[in-house]
Structure formats: structure tokens, C-alpha cells
Amino acid sequence: MYFGGEIKDIEIYRNQQRPGFDEQYHKVRFILQSNGIEPVQVDIWVHPNYPENNLVKVAKTFLHRRLLDLVELASEDIYQPQEVDAIWQTVKS
């Protein structure tokens, strides 16, 4: 099963007060969309010492690692796609 997805929007908020930190950070907001689920908003904080022209690329790098961690968590004790299809066929009958 593959449903696809995309980053629908990227917003950059420069020099924002990051909770728990004294200095300001840039906040990069991603709106992630995949068929069948509501859009997911993810905010990534990027230190202003990173070059301005690499801000989104750095934020995507941080986002990528966090999404991989979530995939690993979500992959525990799940069905394989063919098992889900078999369950669906049983329910439909």
C-alpha cells in the first residue's frame, strides 16, 4: 500500500522566541499532506547561525530525521500490506 504525500506549504518565521531558549531561532513550518489523512503541521526550529540560503534545506534535514524516528515507532507491531488487504477482503465478504 502506498498513498503518496507531499509537502504542501513551507512558511518561515524568522527570529522567533523559542520556548525554553534565551536566543531567537527561525521556525520553519511544514504542512505535510498524504491521501486519506488530515494535513499535518510540523514546526522545525533552526538556529540563526545556519546560512540564510540553506535555511529550508537544514530544516528539511531535521524534519527527515524526526519523520524517520516516527516511522520506526509506528512500524512496531503492524500488519504487512498484504495482511491488511486480506483482512479487508474478509470483512467485505
PDB file of N, CA and C in Angstrom:
ATOM      1  N   MET A   1       0.836  -1.172   0.000  1.00  0.00           N
ATOM      2  CA  MET A   1       0.000   0.000   0.000  1.00  0.00           C
ATOM      3  C   MET A   1       0.886   1.241   0.000  1.00  0.00           C
ATOM      4  N   TYR A   2       0.660   2.116  -0.932  1.00  0.00           N
ATOM      5  CA  TYR A   2       1.392   3.369  -0.989  1.00  0.00           C
ATOM      6  C   TYR A   2       0.390   4.473  -1.282  1.00  0.00           C
ATOM      7  N   PHE A   3       0.340   5.461  -0.434  1.00  0.00           N
ATOM      8  CA  PHE A   3      -0.657   6.513  -0.580  1.00  0.00           C
ATOM      9  C   PHE A   3      -0.077   7.827  -1.075  1.00  0.00           C
ATOM     10  N   GLY A   4       1.226   7.955  -1.103  1.00  0.00           N
ATOM     11  CA  GLY A   4       1.842   9.187  -1.564  1.00  0.00           C
ATOM     12  C   GLY A   4       1.697  10.312  -0.570  1.00  0.00           C
ATOM     13  N   GLY A   5       2.375  11.354  -0.828  1.00  0.00           N
ATOM     14  CA  GLY A   5       2.313  12.503   0.051  1.00  0.00           C
ATOM     15  C   GLY A   5       3.157  13.623  -0.510  1.00  0.00           C
ATOM     16  N   GLU A   6       3.023  14.765   0.098  1.00  0.00           N
ATOM     17  CA  GLU A   6       3.800  15.904  -0.353  1.00  0.00           C
ATOM     18  C   GLU A   6       3.858  16.951   0.744  1.00  0.00           C
ATOM     19  N   ILE A   7       4.830  17.829   0.615  1.00  0.00           N
ATOM     20  CA  ILE A   7       4.898  18.996   1.471  1.00  0.00           C
ATOM     21  C   ILE A   7       4.096  20.077   0.755  1.00  0.00           C
ATOM     22  N   LYS A   8       2.957  20.419   1.331  1.00  0.00           N
ATOM     23  CA  LYS A   8       2.044  21.352   0.672  1.00  0.00           C
ATOM     24  C   LYS A   8       2.494  22.803   0.807  1.00  0.00           C
ATOM     25  N   ASP A   9       3.134  23.132   1.899  1.00  0.00           N
ATOM     26  CA  ASP A   9       3.465  24.521   2.128  1.00  0.00           C
ATOM     27  C   ASP A   9       4.649  24.597   3.080  1.00  0.00           C
ATOM     28  N   ILE A  10       5.454  25.619   2.891  1.00  0.00           N
ATOM     29  CA  ILE A  10       6.550  25.899   3.803  1.00  0.00           C
ATOM     30  C   ILE A  10       6.460  27.376   4.162  1.00  0.00           C
ATOM     31  N   GLU A  11       6.393  27.644   5.450  1.00  0.00           N
ATOM     32  CA  GLU A  11       6.376  29.015   5.934  1.00  0.00           C
ATOM     33  C   GLU A  11       7.598  29.227   6.813  1.00  0.00           C
ATOM     34  N   ILE A  12       8.212  30.378   6.713  1.00  0.00           N
ATOM     35  CA  ILE A  12       9.392  30.683   7.517  1.00  0.00           C
ATOM     36  C   ILE A  12       9.070  31.874   8.416  1.00  0.00           C
ATOM     37  N   TYR A  13       9.289  31.675   9.712  1.00  0.00           N
ATOM     38  CA  TYR A  13       9.117  32.736  10.695  1.00  0.00           C
ATOM     39  C   TYR A  13      10.497  33.010  11.285  1.00  0.00           C
ATOM     40  N   ARG A  14      11.062  34.144  10.913  1.00  0.00           N
ATOM     41  CA  ARG A  14      12.428  34.466  11.331  1.00  0.00           C
ATOM     42  C   ARG A  14      12.440  35.119  12.709  1.00  0.00           C
ATOM     43  N   ASN A  15      13.518  34.814  13.442  1.00  0.00           N
ATOM     44  CA  ASN A  15      13.796  35.458  14.732  1.00  0.00           C
ATOM     45  C   ASN A  15      12.624  35.364  15.697  1.00  0.00           C
ATOM     46  N   GLN A  16      12.224  34.141  15.968  1.00  0.00           N
ATOM     47  CA  GLN A  16      11.116  33.865  16.875  1.00  0.00           C
ATOM     48  C   GLN A  16      11.658  33.430  18.236  1.00  0.00           C
ATOM     49  N   GLN A  17      10.886  33.716  19.260  1.00  0.00           N
ATOM     50  CA  GLN A  17      11.259  33.267  20.594  1.00  0.00           C
ATOM     51  C   GLN A  17      10.916  31.786  20.720  1.00  0.00           C
ATOM     52  N   ARG A  18      11.936  30.967  20.854  1.00  0.00           N
ATOM     53  CA  ARG A  18      11.738  29.529  21.007  1.00  0.00           C
ATOM     54  C   ARG A  18      11.548  29.214  22.485  1.00  0.00           C
ATOM     55  N   PRO A  19      10.449  28.537  22.829  1.00  0.00           N
ATOM     56  CA  PRO A  19      10.212  28.218  24.244  1.00  0.00           C
ATOM     57  C   PRO A  19      11.397  27.468  24.861  1.00  0.00           C
ATOM     58  N   GLY A  20      11.828  27.955  26.025  1.00  0.00           N
ATOM     59  CA  GLY A  20      12.915  27.315  26.749  1.00  0.00           C
ATOM     60  C   GLY A  20      14.301  27.781  26.354  1.00  0.00           C
ATOM     61  N   PHE A  21      14.404  28.707  25.408  1.00  0.00           N
ATOM     62  CA  PHE A  21      15.691  29.207  24.944  1.00  0.00           C
ATOM     63  C   PHE A  21      15.719  30.726  25.084  1.00  0.00           C
ATOM     64  N   ASP A  22      16.897  31.246  25.398  1.00  0.00           N
ATOM     65  CA  ASP A  22      17.044  32.695  25.549  1.00  0.00           C
ATOM     66  C   ASP A  22      17.175  33.412  24.217  1.00  0.00           C
ATOM     67  N   GLU A  23      17.854  32.771  23.268  1.00  0.00           N
ATOM     68  CA  GLU A  23      18.053  33.437  21.985  1.00  0.00           C
ATOM     69  C   GLU A  23      16.936  33.086  21.011  1.00  0.00           C
ATOM     70  N   GLN A  24      16.830  33.886  19.964  1.00  0.00           N
ATOM     71  CA  GLN A  24      15.792  33.664  18.974  1.00  0.00           C
ATOM     72  C   GLN A  24      16.244  32.658  17.920  1.00  0.00           C
ATOM     73  N   TYR A  25      15.275  31.945  17.372  1.00  0.00           N
ATOM     74  CA  TYR A  25      15.502  30.940  16.337  1.00  0.00           C
ATOM     75  C   TYR A  25      14.589  31.252  15.161  1.00  0.00           C
ATOM     76  N   HIS A  26      14.883  30.640  14.036  1.00  0.00           N
ATOM     77  CA  HIS A  26      13.954  30.666  12.914  1.00  0.00           C
ATOM     78  C   HIS A  26      13.058  29.437  13.040  1.00  0.00           C
ATOM     79  N   LYS A  27      11.787  29.628  12.791  1.00  0.00           N
ATOM     80  CA  LYS A  27      10.847  28.497  12.814  1.00  0.00           C
ATOM     81  C   LYS A  27      10.403  28.249  11.381  1.00  0.00           C
ATOM     82  N   VAL A  28      10.596  27.016  10.919  1.00  0.00           N
ATOM     83  CA  VAL A  28      10.160  26.636   9.581  1.00  0.00           C
ATOM     84  C   VAL A  28       8.973  25.695   9.751  1.00  0.00           C
ATOM     85  N   ARG A  29       7.855  26.086   9.190  1.00  0.00           N
ATOM     86  CA  ARG A  29       6.614  25.304   9.316  1.00  0.00           C
ATOM     87  C   ARG A  29       6.353  24.566   8.006  1.00  0.00           C
ATOM     88  N   PHE A  30       6.210  23.258   8.135  1.00  0.00           N
ATOM     89  CA  PHE A  30       5.888  22.395   7.005  1.00  0.00           C
ATOM     90  C   PHE A  30       4.452  21.918   7.159  1.00  0.00           C
ATOM     91  N   ILE A  31       3.708  21.900   6.078  1.00  0.00           N
ATOM     92  CA  ILE A  31       2.381  21.287   6.063  1.00  0.00           C
ATOM     93  C   ILE A  31       2.514  20.029   5.211  1.00  0.00           C
ATOM     94  N   LEU A  32       2.374  18.874   5.858  1.00  0.00           N
ATOM     95  CA  LEU A  32       2.530  17.584   5.192  1.00  0.00           C
ATOM     96  C   LEU A  32       1.151  17.031   4.862  1.00  0.00           C
ATOM     97  N   GLN A  33       0.997  16.557   3.632  1.00  0.00           N
ATOM     98  CA  GLN A  33      -0.295  16.035   3.184  1.00  0.00           C
ATOM     99  C   GLN A  33      -0.101  14.653   2.583  1.00  0.00           C
ATOM    100  N   SER A  34      -0.964  13.739   2.990  1.00  0.00           N
ATOM    101  CA  SER A  34      -0.991  12.407   2.413  1.00  0.00           C
ATOM    102  C   SER A  34      -2.451  12.026   2.230  1.00  0.00           C
ATOM    103  N   ASN A  35      -2.741  11.322   1.158  1.00  0.00           N
ATOM    104  CA  ASN A  35      -4.125  10.933   0.884  1.00  0.00           C
ATOM    105  C   ASN A  35      -4.726  10.164   2.053  1.00  0.00           C
ATOM    106  N   GLY A  36      -5.902  10.568   2.464  1.00  0.00           N
ATOM    107  CA  GLY A  36      -6.636   9.824   3.482  1.00  0.00           C
ATOM    108  C   GLY A  36      -6.443  10.308   4.897  1.00  0.00           C
ATOM    109  N   ILE A  37      -5.540  11.265   5.139  1.00  0.00           N
ATOM    110  CA  ILE A  37      -5.393  11.804   6.490  1.00  0.00           C
ATOM    111  C   ILE A  37      -5.423  13.328   6.419  1.00  0.00           C
ATOM    112  N   GLU A  38      -5.749  13.921   7.529  1.00  0.00           N
ATOM    113  CA  GLU A  38      -5.752  15.379   7.608  1.00  0.00           C
ATOM    114  C   GLU A  38      -4.317  15.893   7.464  1.00  0.00           C
ATOM    115  N   PRO A  39      -4.138  17.082   6.916  1.00  0.00           N
ATOM    116  CA  PRO A  39      -2.786  17.647   6.837  1.00  0.00           C
ATOM    117  C   PRO A  39      -2.146  17.726   8.220  1.00  0.00           C
ATOM    118  N   VAL A  40      -0.842  17.552   8.252  1.00  0.00           N
ATOM    119  CA  VAL A  40      -0.086  17.586   9.497  1.00  0.00           C
ATOM    120  C   VAL A  40       0.862  18.778   9.439  1.00  0.00           C
ATOM    121  N   GLN A  41       0.814  19.586  10.471  1.00  0.00           N
ATOM    122  CA  GLN A  41       1.712  20.741  10.567  1.00  0.00           C
ATOM    123  C   GLN A  41       2.884  20.364  11.455  1.00  0.00           C
ATOM    124  N   VAL A  42       4.094  20.605  10.981  1.00  0.00           N
ATOM    125  CA  VAL A  42       5.292  20.324  11.753  1.00  0.00           C
ATOM    126  C   VAL A  42       6.160  21.578  11.751  1.00  0.00           C
ATOM    127  N   ASP A  43       6.517  22.039  12.946  1.00  0.00           N
ATOM    128  CA  ASP A  43       7.404  23.185  13.087  1.00  0.00           C
ATOM    129  C   ASP A  43       8.802  22.689  13.446  1.00  0.00           C
ATOM    130  N   ILE A  44       9.788  23.191  12.726  1.00  0.00           N
ATOM    131  CA  ILE A  44      11.180  22.841  12.971  1.00  0.00           C
ATOM    132  C   ILE A  44      11.931  24.122  13.316  1.00  0.00           C
ATOM    133  N   TRP A  45      12.658  24.092  14.414  1.00  0.00           N
ATOM    134  CA  TRP A  45      13.444  25.241  14.841  1.00  0.00           C
ATOM    135  C   TRP A  45      14.854  25.133  14.278  1.00  0.00           C
ATOM    136  N   VAL A  46      15.336  26.223  13.703  1.00  0.00           N
ATOM    137  CA  VAL A  46      16.668  26.259  13.116  1.00  0.00           C
ATOM    138  C   VAL A  46      17.432  27.437  13.724  1.00  0.00           C
ATOM    139  N   HIS A  47      18.611  27.155  14.226  1.00  0.00           N
ATOM    140  CA  HIS A  47      19.440  28.201  14.827  1.00  0.00           C
ATOM    141  C   HIS A  47      19.841  29.212  13.756  1.00  0.00           C
ATOM    142  N   PRO A  48      19.840  30.491  14.081  1.00  0.00           N
ATOM    143  CA  PRO A  48      20.158  31.516  13.082  1.00  0.00           C
ATOM    144  C   PRO A  48      21.608  31.510  12.602  1.00  0.00           C
ATOM    145  N   ASN A  49      22.474  30.736  13.231  1.00  0.00           N
ATOM    146  CA  ASN A  49      23.861  30.644  12.751  1.00  0.00           C
ATOM    147  C   ASN A  49      23.970  29.882  11.433  1.00  0.00           C
ATOM    148  N   TYR A  50      22.942  29.094  11.086  1.00  0.00           N
ATOM    149  CA  TYR A  50      22.966  28.421   9.785  1.00  0.00           C
ATOM    150  C   TYR A  50      22.783  29.476   8.695  1.00  0.00           C
ATOM    151  N   PRO A  51      23.461  29.298   7.568  1.00  0.00           N
ATOM    152  CA  PRO A  51      23.339  30.291   6.490  1.00  0.00           C
ATOM    153  C   PRO A  51      21.890  30.448   6.027  1.00  0.00           C
ATOM    154  N   GLU A  52      21.509  31.677   5.801  1.00  0.00           N
ATOM    155  CA  GLU A  52      20.138  32.010   5.388  1.00  0.00           C
ATOM    156  C   GLU A  52      19.710  31.260   4.139  1.00  0.00           C
ATOM    157  N   ASN A  53      20.611  31.121   3.172  1.00  0.00           N
ATOM    158  CA  ASN A  53      20.242  30.467   1.912  1.00  0.00           C
ATOM    159  C   ASN A  53      20.090  28.947   2.059  1.00  0.00           C
ATOM    160  N   ASN A  54      20.452  28.394   3.212  1.00  0.00           N
ATOM    161  CA  ASN A  54      20.290  26.951   3.459  1.00  0.00           C
ATOM    162  C   ASN A  54      19.230  26.656   4.509  1.00  0.00           C
ATOM    163  N   LEU A  55      18.486  27.661   4.897  1.00  0.00           N
ATOM    164  CA  LEU A  55      17.538  27.519   5.999  1.00  0.00           C
ATOM    165  C   LEU A  55      16.531  26.388   5.768  1.00  0.00           C
ATOM    166  N   VAL A  56      15.882  26.364   4.624  1.00  0.00           N
ATOM    167  CA  VAL A  56      14.871  25.336   4.361  1.00  0.00           C
ATOM    168  C   VAL A  56      15.518  23.963   4.236  1.00  0.00           C
ATOM    169  N   LYS A  57      16.672  23.893   3.618  1.00  0.00           N
ATOM    170  CA  LYS A  57      17.350  22.599   3.466  1.00  0.00           C
ATOM    171  C   LYS A  57      17.773  22.031   4.822  1.00  0.00           C
ATOM    172  N   VAL A  58      18.265  22.886   5.703  1.00  0.00           N
ATOM    173  CA  VAL A  58      18.617  22.441   7.060  1.00  0.00           C
ATOM    174  C   VAL A  58      17.364  21.976   7.789  1.00  0.00           C
ATOM    175  N   ALA A  59      16.287  22.743   7.686  1.00  0.00           N
ATOM    176  CA  ALA A  59      15.038  22.366   8.357  1.00  0.00           C
ATOM    177  C   ALA A  59      14.508  21.036   7.822  1.00  0.00           C
ATOM    178  N   LYS A  60      14.579  20.832   6.503  1.00  0.00           N
ATOM    179  CA  LYS A  60      14.144  19.550   5.929  1.00  0.00           C
ATOM    180  C   LYS A  60      15.003  18.396   6.439  1.00  0.00           C
ATOM    181  N   THR A  61      16.286  18.656   6.631  1.00  0.00           N
ATOM    182  CA  THR A  61      17.179  17.622   7.165  1.00  0.00           C
ATOM    183  C   THR A  61      16.751  17.230   8.571  1.00  0.00           C
ATOM    184  N   PHE A  62      16.449  18.226   9.406  1.00  0.00           N
ATOM    185  CA  PHE A  62      15.970  17.937  10.765  1.00  0.00           C
ATOM    186  C   PHE A  62      14.618  17.220  10.719  1.00  0.00           C
ATOM    187  N   LEU A  63      13.734  17.678   9.833  1.00  0.00           N
ATOM    188  CA  LEU A  63      12.423  17.051   9.670  1.00  0.00           C
ATOM    189  C   LEU A  63      12.567  15.593   9.245  1.00  0.00           C
ATOM    190  N   HIS A  64      13.435  15.337   8.309  1.00  0.00           N
ATOM    191  CA  HIS A  64      13.664  13.981   7.803  1.00  0.00           C
ATOM    192  C   HIS A  64      14.017  13.024   8.942  1.00  0.00           C
ATOM    193  N   ARG A  65      14.945  13.417   9.792  1.00  0.00           N
ATOM    194  CA  ARG A  65      15.359  12.543  10.898  1.00  0.00           C
ATOM    195  C   ARG A  65      14.189  12.287  11.840  1.00  0.00           C
ATOM    196  N   ARG A  66      13.414  13.312  12.132  1.00  0.00           N
ATOM    197  CA  ARG A  66      12.282  13.143  13.051  1.00  0.00           C
ATOM    198  C   ARG A  66      11.208  12.247  12.442  1.00  0.00           C
ATOM    199  N   LEU A  67      10.968  12.401  11.145  1.00  0.00           N
ATOM    200  CA  LEU A  67       9.987  11.538  10.492  1.00  0.00           C
ATOM    201  C   LEU A  67      10.460  10.089  10.463  1.00  0.00           C
ATOM    202  N   LEU A  68      11.755   9.870  10.257  1.00  0.00           N
ATOM    203  CA  LEU A  68      12.283   8.500  10.315  1.00  0.00           C
ATOM    204  C   LEU A  68      12.076   7.898  11.700  1.00  0.00           C
ATOM    205  N   ASP A  69      12.284   8.700  12.740  1.00  0.00           N
ATOM    206  CA  ASP A  69      12.049   8.214  14.100  1.00  0.00           C
ATOM    207  C   ASP A  69      10.581   7.838  14.294  1.00  0.00           C
ATOM    208  N   LEU A  70       9.676   8.653  13.748  1.00  0.00           N
ATOM    209  CA  LEU A  70       8.246   8.356  13.865  1.00  0.00           C
ATOM    210  C   LEU A  70       7.865   7.103  13.085  1.00  0.00           C
ATOM    211  N   VAL A  71       8.466   6.927  11.911  1.00  0.00           N
ATOM    212  CA  VAL A  71       8.211   5.717  11.117  1.00  0.00           C
ATOM    213  C   VAL A  71       8.635   4.486  11.907  1.00  0.00           C
ATOM    214  N   GLU A  72       9.784   4.577  12.547  1.00  0.00           N
ATOM    215  CA  GLU A  72      10.262   3.442  13.344  1.00  0.00           C
ATOM    216  C   GLU A  72       9.291   3.126  14.476  1.00  0.00           C
ATOM    217  N   LEU A  73       8.799   4.156  15.151  1.00  0.00           N
ATOM    218  CA  LEU A  73       7.829   3.942  16.229  1.00  0.00           C
ATOM    219  C   LEU A  73       6.523   3.357  15.702  1.00  0.00           C
ATOM    220  N   ALA A  74       6.053   3.890  14.578  1.00  0.00           N
ATOM    221  CA  ALA A  74       4.784   3.432  14.015  1.00  0.00           C
ATOM    222  C   ALA A  74       4.891   2.038  13.405  1.00  0.00           C
ATOM    223  N   SER A  75       6.095   1.574  13.133  1.00  0.00           N
ATOM    224  CA  SER A  75       6.290   0.280  12.491  1.00  0.00           C
ATOM    225  C   SER A  75       6.247  -0.893  13.467  1.00  0.00           C
ATOM    226  N   GLU A  76       6.208  -0.589  14.745  1.00  0.00           N
ATOM    227  CA  GLU A  76       6.162  -1.651  15.744  1.00  0.00           C
ATOM    228  C   GLU A  76       4.781  -2.288  15.757  1.00  0.00           C
ATOM    229  N   ASP A  77       4.752  -3.607  15.669  1.00  0.00           N
ATOM    230  CA  ASP A  77       3.519  -4.384  15.789  1.00  0.00           C
ATOM    231  C   ASP A  77       2.444  -3.931  14.794  1.00  0.00           C
ATOM    232  N   ILE A  78       2.792  -3.947  13.510  1.00  0.00           N
ATOM    233  CA  ILE A  78       1.826  -3.585  12.473  1.00  0.00           C
ATOM    234  C   ILE A  78       1.637  -4.759  11.515  1.00  0.00           C
ATOM    235  N   TYR A  79       0.570  -4.686  10.725  1.00  0.00           N
ATOM    236  CA  TYR A  79       0.338  -5.662   9.674  1.00  0.00           C
ATOM    237  C   TYR A  79       1.171  -5.306   8.443  1.00  0.00           C
ATOM    238  N   GLN A  80       1.482  -6.294   7.663  1.00  0.00           N
ATOM    239  CA  GLN A  80       2.084  -6.074   6.354  1.00  0.00           C
ATOM    240  C   GLN A  80       0.949  -5.694   5.395  1.00  0.00           C
ATOM    241  N   PRO A  81       1.247  -4.960   4.309  1.00  0.00           N
ATOM    242  CA  PRO A  81       0.185  -4.531   3.394  1.00  0.00           C
ATOM    243  C   PRO A  81      -0.700  -5.678   2.898  1.00  0.00           C
ATOM    244  N   GLN A  82      -0.108  -6.817   2.567  1.00  0.00           N
ATOM    245  CA  GLN A  82      -0.920  -7.941   2.083  1.00  0.00           C
ATOM    246  C   GLN A  82      -1.831  -8.496   3.179  1.00  0.00           C
ATOM    247  N   GLU A  83      -1.413  -8.379   4.438  1.00  0.00           N
ATOM    248  CA  GLU A  83      -2.263  -8.820   5.542  1.00  0.00           C
ATOM    249  C   GLU A  83      -3.478  -7.890   5.692  1.00  0.00           C
ATOM    250  N   VAL A  84      -3.247  -6.604   5.537  1.00  0.00           N
ATOM    251  CA  VAL A  84      -4.349  -5.646   5.613  1.00  0.00           C
ATOM    252  C   VAL A  84      -5.335  -5.908   4.480  1.00  0.00           C
ATOM    253  N   ASP A  85      -4.819  -6.163   3.273  1.00  0.00           N
ATOM    254  CA  ASP A  85      -5.684  -6.476   2.137  1.00  0.00           C
ATOM    255  C   ASP A  85      -6.510  -7.741   2.400  1.00  0.00           C
ATOM    256  N   ALA A  86      -5.893  -8.737   2.994  1.00  0.00           N
ATOM    257  CA  ALA A  86      -6.601  -9.983   3.296  1.00  0.00           C
ATOM    258  C   ALA A  86      -7.704  -9.756   4.329  1.00  0.00           C
ATOM    259  N   ILE A  87      -7.411  -8.943   5.334  1.00  0.00           N
ATOM    260  CA  ILE A  87      -8.429  -8.610   6.350  1.00  0.00           C
ATOM    261  C   ILE A  87      -9.586  -7.874   5.676  1.00  0.00           C
ATOM    262  N   TRP A  88      -9.264  -6.940   4.800  1.00  0.00           N
ATOM    263  CA  TRP A  88     -10.291  -6.165   4.096  1.00  0.00           C
ATOM    264  C   TRP A  88     -11.188  -7.086   3.277  1.00  0.00           C
ATOM    265  N   GLN A  89     -10.595  -8.029   2.582  1.00  0.00           N
ATOM    266  CA  GLN A  89     -11.368  -8.972   1.762  1.00  0.00           C
ATOM    267  C   GLN A  89     -12.295  -9.809   2.642  1.00  0.00           C
ATOM    268  N   THR A  90     -11.821 -10.204   3.814  1.00  0.00           N
ATOM    269  CA  THR A  90     -12.636 -10.990   4.748  1.00  0.00           C
ATOM    270  C   THR A  90     -13.822 -10.160   5.245  1.00  0.00           C
ATOM    271  N   VAL A  91     -13.568  -8.907   5.549  1.00  0.00           N
ATOM    272  CA  VAL A  91     -14.628  -8.030   6.065  1.00  0.00           C
ATOM    273  C   VAL A  91     -15.664  -7.739   4.997  1.00  0.00           C
ATOM    274  N   LYS A  92     -15.225  -7.545   3.755  1.00  0.00           N
ATOM    275  CA  LYS A  92     -16.142  -7.243   2.653  1.00  0.00           C
ATOM    276  C   LYS A  92     -17.056  -8.418   2.321  1.00  0.00           C
ATOM    277  N   SER A  93     -16.595  -9.638   2.556  1.00  0.00           N
ATOM    278  CA  SER A  93     -17.368 -10.822   2.173  1.00  0.00           C
ATOM    279  C   SER A  93     -18.541 -11.074   3.076  1.00  0.00           C
TER     280      SER A  93
END
